[in-house]
Amino acid sequence: MKEREFWQLVDEVFGHSYGRSLSRDQSLTALDAMTPVEALEAGVQPRVVWNVLCDQMDVPDSRRWGKDHNAPPMPAGRF
């Protein structure tokens, strides 16, 4: 997953305004309390950030990947 795809999913799943606010403000406990934006800036792979955000926000798998429902593979060595 590329960062561009991460932001597309944020907009689709959470809505543009709420999703952007959530990405700046939501502390992700599984990622040392970084926000999604901080995690991306720190080099955490977008796929990992997306899964952690969705897990924490209780987004079901059926909604997690947007309209196409194609989950990209998890990066090696992470979760």
Protein backbone atom coordinates (compact mmCIF):
# COMPACT_ATOMS: atom_id res chain seq x y z
CA MET A 1 0.00 0.00 0.00
CA LYS A 2 1.24 3.44 -0.88
CA GLU A 3 0.60 6.49 1.27
CA ARG A 4 -1.73 7.82 -1.44
CA GLU A 5 -3.87 4.70 -1.05
CA PHE A 6 -3.88 5.15 2.73
CA TRP A 7 -5.37 8.63 2.33
CA GLN A 8 -7.91 7.41 -0.21
CA LEU A 9 -9.11 4.80 2.28
CA VAL A 10 -9.19 7.34 5.11
CA ASP A 11 -11.49 9.51 2.98
CA GLU A 12 -13.67 6.60 1.87
CA VAL A 13 -14.05 4.84 5.21
CA PHE A 14 -14.17 7.81 7.60
CA GLY A 15 -15.10 10.71 5.34
CA HIS A 16 -12.68 13.45 4.34
CA SER A 17 -13.08 15.88 7.25
CA TYR A 18 -13.44 13.35 10.06
CA GLY A 19 -10.74 11.10 8.60
CA ARG A 20 -8.19 13.91 8.37
CA SER A 21 -8.97 15.04 11.91
CA LEU A 22 -8.74 11.45 13.16
CA SER A 23 -5.38 11.01 11.42
CA ARG A 24 -3.95 14.09 13.14
CA ASP A 25 -5.44 13.52 16.59
CA GLN A 26 -6.02 9.78 17.27
CA SER A 27 -3.27 8.28 19.42
CA LEU A 28 -2.54 4.72 18.29
CA THR A 29 -1.65 2.63 21.32
CA ALA A 30 -0.13 -0.18 19.23
CA LEU A 31 2.27 2.31 17.62
CA ASP A 32 3.74 3.89 20.75
CA ALA A 33 0.89 6.43 21.00
CA MET A 34 1.81 8.08 17.70
CA THR A 35 -0.98 9.53 15.60
CA PRO A 36 -1.40 8.09 12.10
CA VAL A 37 0.29 11.18 10.64
CA GLU A 38 3.21 10.86 13.06
CA ALA A 39 3.54 7.14 12.32
CA LEU A 40 3.67 7.77 8.57
CA GLU A 41 6.24 10.53 9.07
CA ALA A 42 8.30 8.15 11.23
CA GLY A 43 8.42 5.65 8.37
CA VAL A 44 5.83 3.13 9.53
CA GLN A 45 4.38 1.48 6.45
CA PRO A 46 0.95 2.82 5.47
CA ARG A 47 -0.54 -0.70 5.50
CA VAL A 48 0.47 -1.12 9.14
CA VAL A 49 -0.84 2.32 10.12
CA TRP A 50 -4.12 1.61 8.35
CA ASN A 51 -4.63 -1.75 10.07
CA VAL A 52 -3.80 -0.34 13.49
CA LEU A 53 -6.15 2.61 12.97
CA CYS A 54 -8.96 0.34 11.78
CA ASP A 55 -8.42 -2.09 14.66
CA GLN A 56 -8.52 0.72 17.20
CA MET A 57 -11.62 2.28 15.62
CA ASP A 58 -13.36 -1.13 15.33
CA VAL A 59 -13.72 -0.93 11.56
CA PRO A 60 -14.86 -4.38 10.38
CA ASP A 61 -12.96 -6.17 7.62
CA SER A 62 -15.99 -5.82 5.36
CA ARG A 63 -15.56 -2.02 5.37
CA ARG A 64 -11.82 -1.73 5.92
CA TRP A 65 -10.71 -1.88 2.29
CA GLY A 66 -13.32 0.33 0.70
CA LYS A 67 -15.39 -0.52 -2.32
CA ASP A 68 -13.05 -3.05 -3.91
CA HIS A 69 -12.38 -5.06 -0.71
CA ASN A 70 -8.87 -5.98 -1.88
CA ALA A 71 -6.54 -6.08 1.08
CA PRO A 72 -2.89 -5.52 0.17
CA PRO A 73 -0.40 -7.91 1.76
CA MET A 74 1.03 -7.06 5.17
CA PRO A 75 4.68 -6.02 5.13
CA ALA A 76 7.16 -8.61 6.35
CA GLY A 77 8.23 -8.44 9.98
CA ARG A 78 5.41 -6.22 11.20
CA PHE A 79 2.33 -7.54 13.05
